[in-house]
Every structure is written in C-alpha cells, then in structure tokens.
Amino acid sequence: MADGNHAVVTPWGFLGLRVPSEHNVRALIDVAPSLTEPLTQLADTLESLGYTGNYVDLDDDPAWVFDRAIILQAAGILDATLQPTQRFINIVTVGQAARGVADFNPIRNSMKAACNKCHAKGFVDEHFIASDTVIKEVDHEFAKAIKAVQGLYADGILVKPEGWEYGPDLLQFYDAKTSVEQELYLIMLEYRQRAFQGAFHDSKDYMHWYGWAPLKTSVNVILEDVERMRAEAAPHLMKDTIVINMTSGIGTWGGGNGVNFRPNVKVDDSGLTIKGVLTTTDNGPVDNLVGKDANLVAIATTKNGFYMLADGEFIAWDGNFSTLASAVD
C-alpha cells in the first residue's frame, strides 16, 4: 500500500454509495419545483450535518442525484419524503457505508496521487471518470427497478410486513416475500458491486459479464414481474373504482355504480381543448363512494384517442384497464 499504509479505503467505499451534498440537493429545486419543500428541508438537514460542497470530478447532474436518492430510500437511509432516518445516523454517520464530500474528496485525491506516481495524469483522470460513469449507469438501472417495486407498495399491491418501516427494504432480504425484492438485493450486493468494482480494477470482462450484464437481466425480470403482478391485481383494485366516460358525462366502466357527472372539460373533434377537474351533482352517489376510499377515474374519448385523469391532469391512456388501478382522483 502507498507509504506503508495498510488501510484499504477507497472513495466510493465497498457499496459505491455517496450522500448527496447540500449543494446537490438545492440544485434540484429548479428541476423539481413540486418537491421544493422536502428538498429544502433535506438540504437544510444535510448542511447542519456538514454534508456540503462538491465532489471531485463528478458532475452530479439532477438525474443521477435523484437515482441515488431512490437507492438510499430502498436502503431506509432516506424516507419516503426524502428525509434522513435513524439509519442515516447508524449507516452513514457512524458506519460510513455511504460517503459525503468531506470523506470522499481527500480519499480520492490521495488515491489519484498514488496512481500518478506511475501513470500520466490524463490517463488516471480518464480511468476514474470512466469508472464513475459505470456507477452512474448502474445506478440509473437500479433506481428504475426500485421505483417499479415502490409503486407496488404505493398502490397496495404489496403490503409492508409487520415490523417493516420501508417497502421495499434492502436490509430485509431474508424476510422479503417476493422475488422482485430478492432481485433488488442481488443487484445491490452482487451485480452492482461487481460492475463498479470491476471498472475501477480495470477488469472490463468481469465488469461486463459478472456485473452489468446480469444486472440488466435482473432489472428486466423485475419490470416484467411488476407488470404481471399489476395485471393480476387489477381486478381486485378495480372493484371500488368508478370510471367515467367523459364524452357523455355519465356511465361506468370496470365496476362501481352509475353516476352523474358535470365535467368542466370541453371535448370536441379537435380533442381536449380545456383541462379541468371533475365536479359532481350535489346529490350524486359519488360523494358517498369517494368517502369510502373509492378511486375516481375519468376517461375522455376524443378524436385523438383515450385520455385518463390522473393527479389532476389528463394524460394519454393506452386502453389497458390494468393501468387504471393506480389512478386516483
């Protein structure tokens, strides 16, 4: 080891995790204004804990910061509102399983200085940045799979077992009840590690065949299983769902009772010309059903196709009723 130091420490650590700095988080507010409140709260907390500044060489574009936040959520380090949890203290602050700027930068600079004793600066810089890029790409794929499983919990298709605070939870592998959650664990502690560790060791064959390739396969398996689980759960989730044909303003598809609607959305041959919200008649039965946690889904049939109301706005709908299960008025 360099200078006789036998402490084997790397900037990325064994898990390849970094905590977003206060600066990283504040930069996200312009990109995601709807998350201004939780992002500001997170940034203030990180600043108070000393997680400030910028990481050496790393771009930390918003997409990567969000991907890393999703991974930290799955590890229970950040909660559903992006705030630090008790695990943040135990795993990050005490255990240093995920590094901040203050730890990452000195270790990285020291490692690069050791490499520069034998290799040209440009070669070392390119190797480090290329390896960083592998982690970035891996994180994006991993976050995609995590979000798909998070959606199953959010929509009630998966229910957190007793004693669980988070779902999915990478730290609950031995008690995970579904294959999609077990695949997430394998990605985290096997394929993802092999990919970025192989990259930094300049072992391209190992990085690809034992890391990146099986990771991609695992992500695809998760996404396919999530789609299947949603399709299987759709009939159950639709039983209390009212679907309205907005063209006539009256009628039901997929279950529920007939209801009268007075929509303030104009529909003509050119498509949806005005976006708006649904209103009901004062004595309509929908009021009672919504009070019983029934989902309310509006469908508009236009010249351009189908649209469904989700989160207050109309979005294109593919006609597949399984996609309606998660739409809530």
Protein backbone atom coordinates (compact mmCIF):
# COMPACT_ATOMS: atom_id res chain seq x y z
CA MET A 1 0.00 0.00 0.00
CA ALA A 2 1.09 3.59 -0.60
CA ASP A 3 3.55 4.88 2.01
CA GLY A 4 3.14 1.67 4.00
CA ASN A 5 -0.49 2.44 4.83
CA HIS A 6 -2.35 -0.86 5.05
CA ALA A 7 -5.79 0.72 5.50
CA VAL A 8 -7.70 -0.35 2.38
CA VAL A 9 -10.03 2.61 1.92
CA THR A 10 -11.49 3.86 -1.35
CA PRO A 11 -13.55 7.00 -2.02
CA TRP A 12 -16.58 5.06 -3.23
CA GLY A 13 -16.38 2.53 -0.43
CA PHE A 14 -17.45 -1.10 -0.64
CA LEU A 15 -21.05 -0.27 -1.57
CA GLY A 16 -20.42 2.55 -4.03
CA LEU A 17 -22.75 4.94 -2.22
CA ARG A 18 -22.50 8.70 -1.89
CA VAL A 19 -24.75 11.01 0.09
CA PRO A 20 -25.96 13.99 -1.95
CA SER A 21 -24.48 17.19 -0.58
CA GLU A 22 -26.50 20.19 0.50
CA HIS A 23 -25.34 21.88 -2.72
CA ASN A 24 -26.53 18.93 -4.86
CA VAL A 25 -29.98 18.98 -3.27
CA ARG A 26 -30.54 22.73 -3.60
CA ALA A 27 -29.67 22.45 -7.29
CA LEU A 28 -32.59 20.03 -7.70
CA ILE A 29 -35.23 22.54 -6.64
CA ASP A 30 -35.21 24.32 -10.02
CA VAL A 31 -35.54 20.95 -11.75
CA ALA A 32 -38.30 19.62 -9.48
CA PRO A 33 -40.21 22.63 -8.10
CA SER A 34 -43.02 20.38 -6.87
CA LEU A 35 -40.54 18.96 -4.35
CA THR A 36 -39.34 22.35 -3.11
CA GLU A 37 -40.44 21.80 0.49
CA PRO A 38 -38.92 18.33 1.11
CA LEU A 39 -35.78 19.19 -0.87
CA THR A 40 -35.26 22.40 1.09
CA GLN A 41 -35.76 20.51 4.34
CA LEU A 42 -33.28 17.83 3.25
CA ALA A 43 -30.73 20.44 2.15
CA ASP A 44 -31.01 22.26 5.47
CA THR A 45 -30.52 19.00 7.38
CA LEU A 46 -27.50 17.99 5.28
CA GLU A 47 -25.98 21.43 5.79
CA SER A 48 -26.43 21.17 9.55
CA LEU A 49 -24.71 17.76 9.49
CA GLY A 50 -21.78 19.05 7.45
CA TYR A 51 -22.65 17.36 4.14
CA THR A 52 -21.78 20.37 1.96
CA GLY A 53 -19.65 21.19 -1.07
CA ASN A 54 -18.97 19.41 -4.35
CA TYR A 55 -17.48 16.02 -5.17
CA VAL A 56 -14.16 15.86 -7.05
CA ASP A 57 -14.58 15.22 -10.81
CA LEU A 58 -18.27 14.24 -10.58
CA ASP A 59 -20.97 16.10 -12.48
CA ASP A 60 -23.83 15.19 -10.11
CA ASP A 61 -26.47 16.07 -12.67
CA PRO A 62 -30.05 16.06 -11.29
CA ALA A 63 -30.95 12.67 -12.77
CA TRP A 64 -28.05 10.95 -11.00
CA VAL A 65 -28.78 12.69 -7.70
CA PHE A 66 -32.40 11.51 -7.87
CA ASP A 67 -31.31 7.98 -8.78
CA ARG A 68 -29.01 7.86 -5.76
CA ALA A 69 -31.80 9.20 -3.55
CA ILE A 70 -34.06 6.35 -4.70
CA ILE A 71 -31.34 3.83 -3.77
CA LEU A 72 -30.92 5.46 -0.35
CA GLN A 73 -34.69 5.21 0.12
CA ALA A 74 -34.61 1.49 -0.63
CA ALA A 75 -31.88 1.13 2.00
CA GLY A 76 -34.00 3.04 4.51
CA ILE A 77 -31.42 5.82 4.76
CA LEU A 78 -33.89 8.37 3.37
CA ASP A 79 -37.62 8.06 3.99
CA ALA A 80 -40.48 8.45 1.51
CA THR A 81 -40.28 12.25 1.84
CA LEU A 82 -36.50 12.24 1.18
CA GLN A 83 -35.63 12.99 4.81
CA PRO A 84 -32.79 11.28 6.73
CA THR A 85 -33.83 8.42 9.01
CA GLN A 86 -32.25 6.77 12.04
CA ARG A 87 -30.42 4.52 9.59
CA PHE A 88 -28.77 7.64 8.19
CA ILE A 89 -27.13 8.10 11.57
CA ASN A 90 -26.31 4.42 12.03
CA ILE A 91 -25.19 3.57 8.50
CA VAL A 92 -23.83 6.84 7.12
CA THR A 93 -22.67 8.99 10.01
CA VAL A 94 -21.38 6.18 12.23
CA GLY A 95 -20.83 3.26 9.85
CA GLN A 96 -19.62 5.39 6.91
CA ALA A 97 -21.20 2.95 4.46
CA ALA A 98 -22.06 5.94 2.28
CA ARG A 99 -19.62 8.81 1.97
CA GLY A 100 -20.06 12.57 1.97
CA VAL A 101 -17.87 15.20 0.33
CA ALA A 102 -15.63 15.64 3.40
CA ASP A 103 -14.65 11.95 3.33
CA PHE A 104 -14.84 11.26 -0.40
CA ASN A 105 -12.63 14.05 -1.76
CA PRO A 106 -9.48 13.55 0.38
CA ILE A 107 -9.50 9.78 -0.22
CA ARG A 108 -9.98 10.25 -3.96
CA ASN A 109 -7.22 12.85 -4.22
CA SER A 110 -4.86 10.60 -2.24
CA MET A 111 -5.63 7.60 -4.45
CA LYS A 112 -5.12 9.59 -7.65
CA ALA A 113 -1.82 10.93 -6.31
CA ALA A 114 -0.65 7.35 -5.72
CA CYS A 115 -1.67 6.37 -9.27
CA ASN A 116 0.13 9.39 -10.71
CA LYS A 117 3.46 8.09 -9.40
CA CYS A 118 3.43 5.58 -12.26
CA HIS A 119 0.75 6.80 -14.67
CA ALA A 120 0.17 10.04 -16.55
CA LYS A 121 -2.33 12.45 -15.02
CA GLY A 122 -4.58 12.33 -18.09
CA PHE A 123 -4.67 8.54 -18.05
CA VAL A 124 -5.58 8.46 -14.34
CA ASP A 125 -8.27 11.13 -14.71
CA GLU A 126 -9.86 9.35 -17.67
CA HIS A 127 -9.86 6.00 -15.86
CA PHE A 128 -11.51 7.40 -12.76
CA ILE A 129 -14.16 9.30 -14.70
CA ALA A 130 -14.90 6.29 -16.93
CA SER A 131 -15.36 4.14 -13.82
CA ASP A 132 -17.59 6.81 -12.26
CA THR A 133 -19.72 6.66 -15.39
CA VAL A 134 -20.24 2.93 -14.89
CA ILE A 135 -21.64 3.61 -11.42
CA LYS A 136 -23.86 6.33 -12.86
CA GLU A 137 -25.34 3.99 -15.49
CA VAL A 138 -25.75 1.17 -12.97
CA ASP A 139 -27.48 3.50 -10.51
CA HIS A 140 -29.96 4.55 -13.18
CA GLU A 141 -30.92 0.96 -13.97
CA PHE A 142 -31.13 0.06 -10.28
CA ALA A 143 -33.29 3.10 -9.48
CA LYS A 144 -35.64 2.15 -12.31
CA ALA A 145 -36.22 -1.27 -10.75
CA ILE A 146 -36.60 0.16 -7.24
CA LYS A 147 -39.22 2.68 -8.37
CA ALA A 148 -41.22 -0.09 -10.02
CA VAL A 149 -41.32 -2.06 -6.75
CA GLN A 150 -42.01 1.09 -4.73
CA GLY A 151 -45.04 1.58 -6.97
CA LEU A 152 -46.38 -1.83 -5.96
CA TYR A 153 -46.29 -0.76 -2.32
CA ALA A 154 -47.76 2.66 -3.07
CA ASP A 155 -50.71 1.10 -4.90
CA GLY A 156 -51.40 -1.55 -2.27
CA ILE A 157 -50.37 -4.49 -4.43
CA LEU A 158 -47.61 -5.22 -1.92
CA VAL A 159 -48.14 -4.56 1.78
CA LYS A 160 -45.31 -4.00 4.24
CA PRO A 161 -44.99 -6.94 6.65
CA GLU A 162 -45.40 -6.23 10.33
CA GLY A 163 -42.33 -4.52 11.74
CA TRP A 164 -41.17 -3.07 8.42
CA GLU A 165 -40.76 0.71 8.20
CA TYR A 166 -39.95 0.81 4.49
CA GLY A 167 -41.07 -1.02 1.42
CA PRO A 168 -39.08 -2.23 -0.39
CA ASP A 169 -36.30 -2.54 2.19
CA LEU A 170 -32.90 -3.80 1.04
CA LEU A 171 -32.00 -4.65 4.62
CA GLN A 172 -34.90 -7.10 4.93
CA PHE A 173 -33.69 -9.55 2.29
CA TYR A 174 -34.09 -12.68 4.41
CA ASP A 175 -37.69 -11.74 5.19
CA ALA A 176 -38.64 -10.48 1.73
CA LYS A 177 -41.74 -12.29 0.48
CA THR A 178 -41.44 -11.60 -3.24
CA SER A 179 -38.90 -12.46 -5.91
CA VAL A 180 -38.79 -8.86 -7.14
CA GLU A 181 -37.49 -7.72 -3.74
CA GLN A 182 -34.94 -10.54 -3.63
CA GLU A 183 -33.74 -9.47 -7.08
CA LEU A 184 -33.24 -5.93 -5.75
CA TYR A 185 -30.98 -7.32 -3.04
CA LEU A 186 -28.94 -9.30 -5.59
CA ILE A 187 -28.49 -6.17 -7.68
CA MET A 188 -27.31 -4.16 -4.69
CA LEU A 189 -24.83 -6.60 -3.18
CA GLU A 190 -23.76 -8.65 -6.19
CA TYR A 191 -24.26 -7.28 -9.70
CA ARG A 192 -23.90 -3.58 -8.93
CA GLN A 193 -20.77 -4.13 -6.86
CA ARG A 194 -19.17 -6.34 -9.49
CA ALA A 195 -19.88 -3.73 -12.14
CA PHE A 196 -18.30 -0.72 -10.43
CA GLN A 197 -15.52 -2.64 -8.67
CA GLY A 198 -14.58 -4.36 -11.92
CA ALA A 199 -14.50 -0.98 -13.65
CA PHE A 200 -12.14 0.58 -11.11
CA HIS A 201 -9.91 -2.51 -11.21
CA ASP A 202 -9.82 -2.15 -15.00
CA SER A 203 -11.25 -5.65 -15.36
CA LYS A 204 -13.63 -4.98 -18.23
CA ASP A 205 -14.58 -8.60 -18.79
CA TYR A 206 -15.50 -9.08 -15.11
CA MET A 207 -17.34 -5.76 -15.03
CA HIS A 208 -19.46 -6.71 -18.02
CA TRP A 209 -20.22 -10.43 -17.70
CA TYR A 210 -20.46 -10.63 -13.93
CA GLY A 211 -21.82 -7.15 -13.25
CA TRP A 212 -23.51 -5.13 -15.96
CA ALA A 213 -24.99 -8.00 -18.00
CA PRO A 214 -26.70 -9.87 -15.11
CA LEU A 215 -27.79 -6.53 -13.65
CA LYS A 216 -29.62 -5.66 -16.87
CA THR A 217 -31.20 -9.10 -16.90
CA SER A 218 -32.29 -8.73 -13.29
CA VAL A 219 -33.83 -5.30 -13.92
CA ASN A 220 -35.80 -6.66 -16.87
CA VAL A 221 -37.02 -9.59 -14.76
CA ILE A 222 -38.21 -7.16 -12.09
CA LEU A 223 -40.02 -4.92 -14.58
CA GLU A 224 -41.74 -7.90 -16.22
CA ASP A 225 -42.77 -9.32 -12.84
CA VAL A 226 -44.10 -5.95 -11.72
CA GLU A 227 -46.22 -5.72 -14.87
CA ARG A 228 -47.54 -9.24 -14.26
CA MET A 229 -48.32 -8.50 -10.61
CA ARG A 230 -50.20 -5.37 -11.60
CA ALA A 231 -52.24 -7.25 -14.17
CA GLU A 232 -53.11 -9.95 -11.65
CA ALA A 233 -54.08 -7.36 -9.04
CA ALA A 234 -56.09 -5.15 -11.41
CA PRO A 235 -59.50 -6.88 -10.96
CA HIS A 236 -59.22 -6.58 -7.17
CA LEU A 237 -58.08 -2.97 -7.26
CA MET A 238 -60.79 -2.03 -9.76
CA LYS A 239 -63.72 -3.31 -7.72
CA ASP A 240 -64.15 0.03 -5.95
CA THR A 241 -63.11 2.14 -8.91
CA ILE A 242 -65.56 4.35 -10.78
CA VAL A 243 -64.63 5.04 -14.37
CA ILE A 244 -66.47 7.83 -16.17
CA ASN A 245 -66.96 8.20 -19.90
CA MET A 246 -66.31 11.93 -20.16
CA THR A 247 -67.78 12.16 -23.66
CA SER A 248 -71.29 11.77 -22.28
CA GLY A 249 -70.50 12.67 -18.69
CA ILE A 250 -72.39 9.64 -17.46
CA GLY A 251 -71.79 5.92 -17.21
CA THR A 252 -69.37 3.42 -15.75
CA TRP A 253 -66.64 1.12 -16.98
CA GLY A 254 -64.93 -1.55 -14.94
CA GLY A 255 -67.15 -1.62 -11.87
CA GLY A 256 -68.87 0.61 -9.37
CA ASN A 257 -72.26 2.31 -9.67
CA GLY A 258 -73.75 4.56 -12.32
CA VAL A 259 -73.09 8.19 -11.52
CA ASN A 260 -73.95 11.58 -12.96
CA PHE A 261 -71.09 13.95 -13.62
CA ARG A 262 -70.98 17.56 -14.59
CA PRO A 263 -67.48 17.86 -16.04
CA ASN A 264 -66.00 21.27 -16.75
CA VAL A 265 -63.84 19.84 -19.52
CA LYS A 266 -64.70 20.72 -23.09
CA VAL A 267 -64.41 17.84 -25.54
CA ASP A 268 -64.78 18.33 -29.29
CA ASP A 269 -63.47 16.88 -32.54
CA SER A 270 -60.09 18.51 -32.05
CA GLY A 271 -59.57 16.69 -28.77
CA LEU A 272 -59.38 18.02 -25.23
CA THR A 273 -59.35 21.79 -25.50
CA ILE A 274 -59.66 22.64 -21.81
CA LYS A 275 -58.09 20.80 -18.90
CA GLY A 276 -60.02 20.82 -15.67
CA VAL A 277 -61.29 18.92 -12.69
CA LEU A 278 -64.44 16.90 -12.23
CA THR A 279 -67.44 18.21 -10.35
CA THR A 280 -70.40 16.14 -9.20
CA THR A 281 -74.04 16.92 -8.73
CA ASP A 282 -74.85 17.89 -5.16
CA ASN A 283 -76.81 14.72 -4.51
CA GLY A 284 -74.80 12.36 -6.71
CA PRO A 285 -73.89 8.95 -5.27
CA VAL A 286 -70.19 9.55 -5.97
CA ASP A 287 -69.87 11.61 -2.80
CA ASN A 288 -70.72 8.56 -0.72
CA LEU A 289 -68.47 6.23 -2.69
CA VAL A 290 -65.48 8.56 -2.54
CA GLY A 291 -65.99 8.77 1.19
CA LYS A 292 -65.40 5.02 1.24
CA ASP A 293 -62.00 5.37 -0.41
CA ALA A 294 -63.28 4.51 -3.87
CA ASN A 295 -60.92 5.54 -6.65
CA LEU A 296 -62.25 8.01 -9.19
CA VAL A 297 -61.02 7.74 -12.77
CA ALA A 298 -62.23 9.85 -15.67
CA ILE A 299 -61.87 8.73 -19.26
CA ALA A 300 -62.23 11.10 -22.18
CA THR A 301 -62.81 9.69 -25.66
CA THR A 302 -61.58 12.09 -28.32
CA LYS A 303 -60.61 12.09 -31.94
CA ASN A 304 -57.02 11.59 -30.86
CA GLY A 305 -57.66 8.60 -28.61
CA PHE A 306 -58.29 7.96 -24.93
CA TYR A 307 -57.25 10.12 -22.01
CA MET A 308 -57.43 9.47 -18.29
CA LEU A 309 -57.46 11.91 -15.41
CA ALA A 310 -54.54 11.35 -13.03
CA ASP A 311 -53.11 13.78 -10.49
CA GLY A 312 -55.45 16.50 -11.71
CA GLU A 313 -54.44 16.38 -15.38
CA PHE A 314 -55.43 14.36 -18.42
CA ILE A 315 -52.78 12.03 -19.75
CA ALA A 316 -52.80 9.63 -22.68
CA TRP A 317 -54.26 6.22 -21.88
CA ASP A 318 -53.45 3.02 -23.75
CA GLY A 319 -56.87 1.45 -23.16
CA ASN A 320 -55.48 -1.16 -20.77
CA PHE A 321 -57.62 -1.30 -17.64
CA SER A 322 -54.74 -2.57 -15.52
CA THR A 323 -53.16 0.89 -15.83
CA LEU A 324 -56.24 2.44 -14.22
CA ALA A 325 -55.68 0.69 -10.92
CA SER A 326 -53.17 3.26 -9.71
CA ALA A 327 -55.02 6.37 -10.94
CA VAL A 328 -56.61 8.16 -8.02
CA ASP A 329 -58.57 11.40 -8.25
